[in-house]
Amino acid sequence: MTDPIDGAALLDKVEAFHRRFNVFPTDAAFVAVALWDAHAHLLDCFDSTPRIAFLSPEPGSGKTRALEIVETLVPQPMTAVNASAAALFRSVSSGNGKPTILFDEIDTVFGPKAGDNEELRGFLNAGHRRTGVTYRCIGDGGQQTVQAFPSYCAVAVAGLGSLPDTILSRSVIIRMRRRARNEKVEPFRARIHEAEGHKLRDRLAQWAEQARGSVMGAWPDMPDGVSDRPADVWEPLLAVADAAGGHWPERARAACVSLVTASKANDKGSLGVRLLTDLRDQVMVGIDRLPTVAILDRLNALDDAPWADLNGKPLDNRRLSRMLAEYMTADNEPITSRNIKAAGSVLKGYYAADLRDAWARYCPPPPESPLPPLPGTENAA
């Protein structure tokens, strides 16, 4: 009988192996990556698998090296650069064990110059869930039939910029940075260090077999404030930490809160949510109504906002109307402009009362220190 493996001590070694070659921005990132490596060995125990995304604004930030170290620690790694969706889903559904897909240069697939990649996006989205499948027609001519190919597998990606919201929201996001001059790492030499990583990988596989009973069907307690999609993302990682024991359950939950909070700070949501939030926090502070022309002037004047350049054009009345009409008032009516009397004339504009329900449902909590009203816009008593 195999001697029991100390899961906490093993995860400590996995984290230490990453620290030798990777510079991640926070301790929370090291915790998350070590847990993700381990969860890939227990994939069939979970209802979903989080993607892990190493993203940076500039090249030379250690993203590829992060994937190289992950590759030595996960089961059946499959390095994919510009792989087609067909190649990926056939690899996953081949019956030879699920690969762990490592997708470098993901910005070439989803970046602004990449064109349409809905098929690959669909594969990555479907493979997040254990029940995820990709449907394809097989056969020739009139003999074609529809076949479902399983898509569930662990995926790590690295790239410049960001990712589509549908993938980003299913990911643990590690914001990589270039190493500072005082940050040193050991050079990674595949001929030497791959074997060390593979020994840890084999130990992770052995520990996973021992931990399978405690992980299968586990419902780990979530930290306060972590719910919905972030909870889905972190549930497998927290289950792994609880099975490992030691200091890992506490460290995992601290890392969860840290990275979920950071992702919310970086995530402005959809363009519609960004519009609602900017209206609440930047444009209509302390105002119960405002003409459309004034709203557009203030939105387009915001420095850190997309409104002055939407595909080369500033936000205009028609697009503002169309975007807001997708949301409802408290009376379940589309938000539309209404008449506002101003200086003896009547202008079209928007009322805060019509927006409040959408603000409450879609926007993040307002800033702790609200901005003061813009000069000259305070409402008369």
Protein backbone atom coordinates (compact mmCIF):
# COMPACT_ATOMS: atom_id res chain seq x y z
CA MET A 1 0.00 0.00 0.00
CA THR A 2 1.30 3.45 -0.91
CA ASP A 3 2.14 5.64 2.06
CA PRO A 4 -0.19 8.65 2.42
CA ILE A 5 1.16 11.82 0.85
CA ASP A 6 1.06 15.08 2.82
CA GLY A 7 -0.96 17.26 0.45
CA ALA A 8 -0.04 20.54 2.14
CA ALA A 9 3.69 19.77 2.00
CA LEU A 10 3.36 18.74 -1.66
CA LEU A 11 1.59 21.98 -2.59
CA ASP A 12 4.34 23.86 -0.75
CA LYS A 13 6.87 22.16 -3.05
CA VAL A 14 4.81 22.97 -6.15
CA GLU A 15 4.63 26.62 -5.12
CA ALA A 16 8.37 26.67 -4.39
CA PHE A 17 9.06 25.21 -7.85
CA HIS A 18 7.11 28.06 -9.45
CA ARG A 19 8.91 30.62 -7.29
CA ARG A 20 12.27 29.42 -8.60
CA PHE A 21 11.41 30.38 -12.19
CA ASN A 22 8.38 32.70 -12.13
CA VAL A 23 7.82 36.20 -10.80
CA PHE A 24 4.10 36.59 -10.19
CA PRO A 25 2.69 39.94 -9.05
CA THR A 26 1.42 38.72 -5.65
CA ASP A 27 1.62 35.79 -3.23
CA ALA A 28 -2.04 35.17 -4.06
CA ALA A 29 -1.03 34.40 -7.64
CA PHE A 30 1.46 31.72 -6.52
CA VAL A 31 -1.23 30.12 -4.36
CA ALA A 32 -3.77 30.14 -7.18
CA VAL A 33 -1.37 28.67 -9.75
CA ALA A 34 -0.24 25.86 -7.42
CA LEU A 35 -3.87 24.97 -6.69
CA TRP A 36 -4.68 25.10 -10.40
CA ASP A 37 -1.83 22.69 -11.19
CA ALA A 38 -3.22 20.25 -8.63
CA HIS A 39 -6.84 20.62 -9.74
CA ALA A 40 -5.89 19.49 -13.27
CA HIS A 41 -5.18 16.03 -11.80
CA LEU A 42 -8.70 15.88 -10.29
CA LEU A 43 -10.70 17.21 -13.20
CA ASP A 44 -13.37 14.51 -13.14
CA CYS A 45 -14.24 15.41 -9.54
CA PHE A 46 -15.60 18.86 -10.43
CA ASP A 47 -18.60 20.24 -12.25
CA SER A 48 -16.47 22.93 -13.87
CA THR A 49 -12.84 23.90 -14.38
CA PRO A 50 -11.52 27.44 -14.17
CA ARG A 51 -9.26 28.72 -16.92
CA ILE A 52 -6.10 30.38 -15.71
CA ALA A 53 -5.03 33.42 -17.70
CA PHE A 54 -1.56 34.99 -17.61
CA LEU A 55 -2.10 38.42 -19.16
CA SER A 56 0.13 41.47 -19.55
CA PRO A 57 0.15 44.78 -21.42
CA GLU A 58 3.66 44.24 -22.84
CA PRO A 59 5.84 41.37 -24.10
CA GLY A 60 8.64 40.05 -21.91
CA SER A 61 6.50 39.76 -18.79
CA GLY A 62 7.04 36.07 -18.04
CA LYS A 63 3.78 34.69 -19.45
CA THR A 64 5.36 32.02 -21.62
CA ARG A 65 7.69 30.96 -18.82
CA ALA A 66 4.66 30.59 -16.55
CA LEU A 67 3.09 28.20 -19.07
CA GLU A 68 6.39 26.29 -19.38
CA ILE A 69 6.47 25.62 -15.64
CA VAL A 70 2.77 24.70 -15.57
CA GLU A 71 3.47 22.30 -18.45
CA THR A 72 5.87 20.25 -16.32
CA LEU A 73 3.29 19.86 -13.52
CA VAL A 74 -0.04 19.04 -15.20
CA PRO A 75 -1.29 15.81 -16.78
CA GLN A 76 -0.98 15.33 -20.56
CA PRO A 77 0.01 18.90 -21.44
CA MET A 78 -0.86 19.98 -24.96
CA THR A 79 0.86 23.18 -26.11
CA ALA A 80 -1.35 25.05 -28.56
CA VAL A 81 -0.39 28.13 -30.56
CA ASN A 82 -2.93 29.11 -33.20
CA ALA A 83 -4.54 25.67 -32.91
CA SER A 84 -7.90 25.35 -34.61
CA ALA A 85 -11.07 24.61 -32.68
CA ALA A 86 -11.44 21.35 -34.62
CA ALA A 87 -7.97 20.16 -33.58
CA LEU A 88 -8.64 21.00 -29.95
CA PHE A 89 -12.04 19.38 -29.54
CA ARG A 90 -10.90 16.23 -31.36
CA SER A 91 -7.90 16.01 -29.00
CA VAL A 92 -10.15 16.37 -25.97
CA SER A 93 -12.68 13.80 -27.19
CA SER A 94 -10.14 11.25 -28.48
CA GLY A 95 -10.62 8.92 -25.49
CA ASN A 96 -6.90 8.84 -24.63
CA GLY A 97 -7.30 10.92 -21.47
CA LYS A 98 -8.04 14.61 -21.24
CA PRO A 99 -5.19 16.90 -22.25
CA THR A 100 -4.37 20.02 -20.32
CA ILE A 101 -4.37 22.68 -23.04
CA LEU A 102 -1.72 25.40 -22.74
CA PHE A 103 -2.59 28.18 -25.17
CA ASP A 104 0.22 30.70 -25.63
CA GLU A 105 -0.14 33.95 -27.60
CA ILE A 106 -3.89 33.90 -27.09
CA ASP A 107 -3.96 37.54 -28.25
CA THR A 108 -3.35 36.28 -31.80
CA VAL A 109 -6.68 34.48 -31.50
CA PHE A 110 -8.78 37.10 -29.72
CA GLY A 111 -6.83 40.32 -30.18
CA PRO A 112 -8.09 43.32 -32.19
CA LYS A 113 -6.40 42.10 -35.39
CA ALA A 114 -7.34 38.43 -35.02
CA GLY A 115 -10.64 38.50 -36.87
CA ASP A 116 -13.55 36.20 -36.15
CA ASN A 117 -12.83 33.23 -33.87
CA GLU A 118 -16.29 32.41 -32.59
CA GLU A 119 -15.72 28.67 -33.09
CA LEU A 120 -12.70 28.64 -30.79
CA ARG A 121 -14.40 30.91 -28.30
CA GLY A 122 -17.35 28.51 -28.28
CA PHE A 123 -15.03 25.58 -27.59
CA LEU A 124 -13.34 27.36 -24.67
CA ASN A 125 -16.71 28.39 -23.23
CA ALA A 126 -18.26 24.93 -23.59
CA GLY A 127 -15.23 23.19 -22.10
CA HIS A 128 -15.58 25.11 -18.86
CA ARG A 129 -18.44 22.81 -17.76
CA ARG A 130 -18.17 19.08 -17.23
CA THR A 131 -21.25 18.62 -19.39
CA GLY A 132 -19.85 20.83 -22.15
CA VAL A 133 -19.93 19.44 -25.67
CA THR A 134 -19.22 20.74 -29.16
CA TYR A 135 -21.63 19.63 -31.89
CA ARG A 136 -20.34 18.88 -35.37
CA CYS A 137 -21.69 17.30 -38.54
CA ILE A 138 -19.75 14.22 -39.62
CA GLY A 139 -20.04 12.13 -42.77
CA ASP A 140 -20.35 12.96 -46.44
CA GLY A 141 -23.12 14.64 -48.41
CA GLY A 142 -26.59 13.45 -47.46
CA GLN A 143 -25.16 10.89 -45.01
CA GLN A 144 -24.11 13.50 -42.47
CA THR A 145 -25.07 13.08 -38.84
CA VAL A 146 -24.67 15.35 -35.83
CA GLN A 147 -22.21 14.18 -33.21
CA ALA A 148 -21.46 15.66 -29.81
CA PHE A 149 -17.75 15.92 -28.94
CA PRO A 150 -16.92 16.37 -25.22
CA SER A 151 -15.10 19.65 -24.65
CA TYR A 152 -14.43 19.55 -20.89
CA CYS A 153 -10.73 20.04 -20.15
CA ALA A 154 -8.35 22.25 -18.20
CA VAL A 155 -7.04 25.26 -20.13
CA ALA A 156 -4.28 27.75 -19.31
CA VAL A 157 -3.78 30.74 -21.59
CA ALA A 158 -1.18 33.49 -21.91
CA GLY A 159 -1.27 36.63 -24.00
CA LEU A 160 -1.13 40.38 -24.37
CA GLY A 161 -4.06 42.59 -23.49
CA SER A 162 -7.30 41.03 -22.40
CA LEU A 163 -9.75 38.28 -23.36
CA PRO A 164 -13.42 38.17 -24.38
CA ASP A 165 -15.66 38.69 -21.35
CA THR A 166 -17.13 35.20 -21.67
CA ILE A 167 -13.69 33.66 -21.18
CA LEU A 168 -12.37 36.26 -18.73
CA SER A 169 -15.28 35.69 -16.36
CA ARG A 170 -14.44 31.96 -16.26
CA SER A 171 -10.78 32.56 -15.46
CA VAL A 172 -8.41 33.10 -12.59
CA ILE A 173 -6.59 36.17 -13.89
CA ILE A 174 -2.88 36.70 -13.22
CA ARG A 175 -1.77 40.17 -14.34
CA MET A 176 1.88 39.65 -15.24
CA ARG A 177 4.53 42.36 -15.16
CA ARG A 178 8.08 42.68 -16.39
CA ARG A 179 10.62 41.77 -13.76
CA ALA A 180 12.08 44.68 -11.85
CA ARG A 181 15.86 44.88 -11.59
CA ASN A 182 15.76 43.59 -8.02
CA GLU A 183 13.57 40.57 -8.89
CA LYS A 184 15.71 37.53 -9.63
CA VAL A 185 14.72 34.10 -10.86
CA GLU A 186 16.63 30.93 -11.62
CA PRO A 187 17.12 30.34 -15.37
CA PHE A 188 14.87 27.52 -16.56
CA ARG A 189 16.78 24.80 -18.39
CA ALA A 190 14.39 22.24 -19.83
CA ARG A 191 16.97 19.42 -19.94
CA ILE A 192 17.56 19.80 -16.21
CA HIS A 193 14.40 21.18 -14.68
CA GLU A 194 11.70 19.38 -16.64
CA ALA A 195 12.58 16.17 -14.84
CA GLU A 196 12.20 17.93 -11.47
CA GLY A 197 8.78 19.21 -12.49
CA HIS A 198 7.75 15.77 -13.72
CA LYS A 199 8.60 14.24 -10.34
CA LEU A 200 6.29 16.76 -8.70
CA ARG A 201 3.66 16.05 -11.37
CA ASP A 202 3.80 12.33 -10.61
CA ARG A 203 3.48 13.03 -6.88
CA LEU A 204 0.49 15.28 -7.58
CA ALA A 205 -1.11 12.44 -9.55
CA GLN A 206 -0.52 10.01 -6.65
CA TRP A 207 -1.89 12.48 -4.12
CA ALA A 208 -4.90 13.14 -6.34
CA GLU A 209 -5.84 9.46 -6.20
CA GLN A 210 -5.66 9.56 -2.41
CA ALA A 211 -7.61 12.83 -2.17
CA ARG A 212 -10.28 11.93 -4.72
CA GLY A 213 -12.77 10.72 -2.12
CA SER A 214 -12.66 13.96 -0.13
CA VAL A 215 -12.74 16.19 -3.21
CA MET A 216 -15.54 14.44 -5.09
CA GLY A 217 -18.81 16.20 -4.35
CA ALA A 218 -17.20 18.70 -1.97
CA TRP A 219 -18.91 22.06 -1.39
CA PRO A 220 -16.17 24.31 0.00
CA ASP A 221 -17.18 27.34 2.03
CA MET A 222 -16.76 30.53 0.05
CA PRO A 223 -15.29 33.71 1.52
CA ASP A 224 -17.74 36.51 2.19
CA GLY A 225 -18.58 38.44 -0.94
CA VAL A 226 -17.57 35.70 -3.39
CA SER A 227 -20.62 34.36 -5.20
CA ASP A 228 -22.08 33.63 -8.65
CA ARG A 229 -19.46 33.24 -11.40
CA PRO A 230 -16.38 33.93 -9.19
CA ALA A 231 -17.60 31.20 -6.83
CA ASP A 232 -17.88 28.78 -9.76
CA VAL A 233 -14.32 29.66 -10.76
CA TRP A 234 -12.83 29.16 -7.30
CA GLU A 235 -14.85 26.19 -6.04
CA PRO A 236 -12.48 23.51 -7.47
CA LEU A 237 -9.39 25.34 -6.18
CA LEU A 238 -10.80 25.71 -2.67
CA ALA A 239 -11.82 22.04 -2.68
CA VAL A 240 -8.21 21.11 -3.51
CA ALA A 241 -6.93 23.38 -0.70
CA ASP A 242 -9.34 21.84 1.82
CA ALA A 243 -8.23 18.34 0.82
CA ALA A 244 -4.57 19.31 1.18
CA GLY A 245 -5.12 20.81 4.63
CA GLY A 246 -2.45 22.55 6.64
CA HIS A 247 -2.30 26.29 5.92
CA TRP A 248 -3.71 25.88 2.41
CA PRO A 249 -7.42 26.35 3.17
CA GLU A 250 -6.68 29.71 4.79
CA ARG A 251 -4.20 30.80 2.13
CA ALA A 252 -6.53 29.72 -0.67
CA ARG A 253 -9.43 31.81 0.65
CA ALA A 254 -7.21 34.83 1.14
CA ALA A 255 -5.94 34.41 -2.44
CA CYS A 256 -9.51 34.01 -3.67
CA VAL A 257 -10.61 37.30 -2.11
CA SER A 258 -7.49 39.11 -3.35
CA LEU A 259 -7.73 37.95 -6.97
CA VAL A 260 -11.51 38.26 -7.24
CA THR A 261 -11.31 41.81 -5.87
CA ALA A 262 -8.52 42.64 -8.33
CA SER A 263 -10.48 41.24 -11.26
CA LYS A 264 -13.47 43.37 -10.34
CA ALA A 265 -11.29 46.47 -10.13
CA ASN A 266 -9.92 45.80 -13.62
CA ASP A 267 -13.25 44.74 -15.09
CA LYS A 268 -15.47 47.58 -16.25
CA GLY A 269 -18.10 45.08 -17.36
CA SER A 270 -19.86 45.25 -20.69
CA LEU A 271 -20.06 48.53 -22.55
CA GLY A 272 -23.65 48.90 -21.36
CA VAL A 273 -22.69 48.44 -17.71
CA ARG A 274 -19.83 50.89 -18.19
CA LEU A 275 -22.33 53.41 -19.58
CA LEU A 276 -24.69 52.97 -16.64
CA THR A 277 -21.83 53.23 -14.16
CA ASP A 278 -20.38 56.37 -15.73
CA LEU A 279 -23.83 57.97 -15.76
CA ARG A 280 -24.23 57.23 -12.06
CA ASP A 281 -20.71 58.06 -10.84
CA GLN A 282 -19.50 60.72 -13.29
CA VAL A 283 -22.38 62.46 -15.04
CA MET A 284 -25.55 62.55 -12.93
CA VAL A 285 -24.12 62.85 -9.44
CA GLY A 286 -26.62 64.80 -7.34
CA ILE A 287 -28.81 65.46 -10.41
CA ASP A 288 -32.32 64.14 -10.91
CA ARG A 289 -32.49 64.87 -14.67
CA LEU A 290 -30.19 66.03 -17.45
CA PRO A 291 -30.71 66.86 -21.15
CA THR A 292 -29.24 64.38 -23.61
CA VAL A 293 -26.93 67.01 -25.12
CA ALA A 294 -25.38 67.65 -21.70
CA ILE A 295 -25.04 63.91 -20.99
CA LEU A 296 -23.20 63.39 -24.28
CA ASP A 297 -20.90 66.35 -23.66
CA ARG A 298 -19.90 65.01 -20.25
CA LEU A 299 -19.52 61.39 -21.31
CA ASN A 300 -17.35 62.31 -24.29
CA ALA A 301 -15.21 64.56 -22.09
CA LEU A 302 -14.32 61.76 -19.63
CA ASP A 303 -10.61 61.03 -19.92
CA ASP A 304 -10.52 57.36 -18.92
CA ALA A 305 -13.57 56.27 -20.87
CA PRO A 306 -14.36 54.89 -24.35
CA TRP A 307 -17.15 57.30 -25.26
CA ALA A 308 -15.18 59.82 -27.33
CA ASP A 309 -13.91 57.08 -29.65
CA LEU A 310 -16.31 54.22 -30.38
CA ASN A 311 -14.93 52.72 -33.58
CA GLY A 312 -13.66 56.15 -34.59
CA LYS A 313 -16.81 58.10 -33.66
CA PRO A 314 -17.96 59.73 -30.42
CA LEU A 315 -21.07 58.49 -28.65
CA ASP A 316 -24.11 60.16 -30.19
CA ASN A 317 -27.78 60.54 -29.34
CA ARG A 318 -28.89 57.55 -31.39
CA ARG A 319 -26.42 55.10 -29.89
CA LEU A 320 -27.01 56.39 -26.36
CA SER A 321 -30.74 55.85 -26.84
CA ARG A 322 -30.24 52.37 -28.26
CA MET A 323 -27.90 51.28 -25.46
CA LEU A 324 -30.07 52.55 -22.62
CA ALA A 325 -33.23 51.07 -24.15
CA GLU A 326 -31.79 47.60 -23.50
CA TYR A 327 -32.29 48.20 -19.76
CA MET A 328 -35.54 48.56 -17.87
CA THR A 329 -36.98 51.04 -15.39
CA ALA A 330 -38.46 49.90 -12.08
CA ASP A 331 -41.81 49.66 -13.92
CA ASN A 332 -40.26 47.19 -16.40
CA GLU A 333 -40.35 49.65 -19.27
CA PRO A 334 -37.33 50.33 -21.51
CA ILE A 335 -35.30 53.35 -20.40
CA THR A 336 -36.06 56.15 -22.84
CA SER A 337 -35.53 59.88 -23.00
CA ARG A 338 -38.29 62.17 -21.73
CA ASN A 339 -39.07 65.87 -21.97
CA ILE A 340 -37.14 68.19 -19.68
CA LYS A 341 -38.14 71.82 -19.31
CA ALA A 342 -35.12 74.11 -19.32
CA ALA A 343 -34.91 77.91 -19.68
CA GLY A 344 -38.30 78.24 -21.30
CA SER A 345 -37.72 75.41 -23.77
CA VAL A 346 -38.25 71.67 -23.76
CA LEU A 347 -35.32 69.30 -24.37
CA LYS A 348 -35.10 65.55 -24.47
CA GLY A 349 -33.14 64.00 -21.64
CA TYR A 350 -32.95 61.28 -19.00
CA TYR A 351 -34.22 61.08 -15.42
CA ALA A 352 -32.24 59.48 -12.60
CA ALA A 353 -35.45 57.84 -11.37
CA ASP A 354 -35.64 55.85 -14.61
CA LEU A 355 -32.03 54.68 -14.22
CA ARG A 356 -31.95 53.76 -10.53
CA ASP A 357 -33.27 50.22 -10.93
CA ALA A 358 -30.66 49.43 -13.61
CA TRP A 359 -27.95 51.04 -11.47
CA ALA A 360 -28.88 48.80 -8.54
CA ARG A 361 -29.04 45.62 -10.63
CA TYR A 362 -26.04 45.95 -12.96
CA CYS A 363 -23.48 48.38 -11.57
CA PRO A 364 -20.78 47.67 -9.00
CA PRO A 365 -21.19 49.40 -5.62
CA PRO A 366 -20.70 53.17 -5.87
CA PRO A 367 -17.42 54.71 -4.73
CA GLU A 368 -17.06 55.12 -0.97
CA SER A 369 -16.45 58.83 -1.42
CA PRO A 370 -19.01 60.06 -3.96
CA LEU A 371 -17.96 62.82 -6.26
CA PRO A 372 -19.47 66.22 -5.47
CA PRO A 373 -22.06 67.60 -7.92
CA LEU A 374 -20.66 69.35 -10.95
CA PRO A 375 -20.65 73.17 -10.48
CA GLY A 376 -23.92 74.74 -11.46
CA THR A 377 -25.84 71.45 -11.74
CA GLU A 378 -27.18 71.15 -8.20
CA ASN A 379 -30.96 70.79 -8.14
CA ALA A 380 -32.97 73.56 -6.59
CA ALA A 381 -34.71 72.64 -3.37
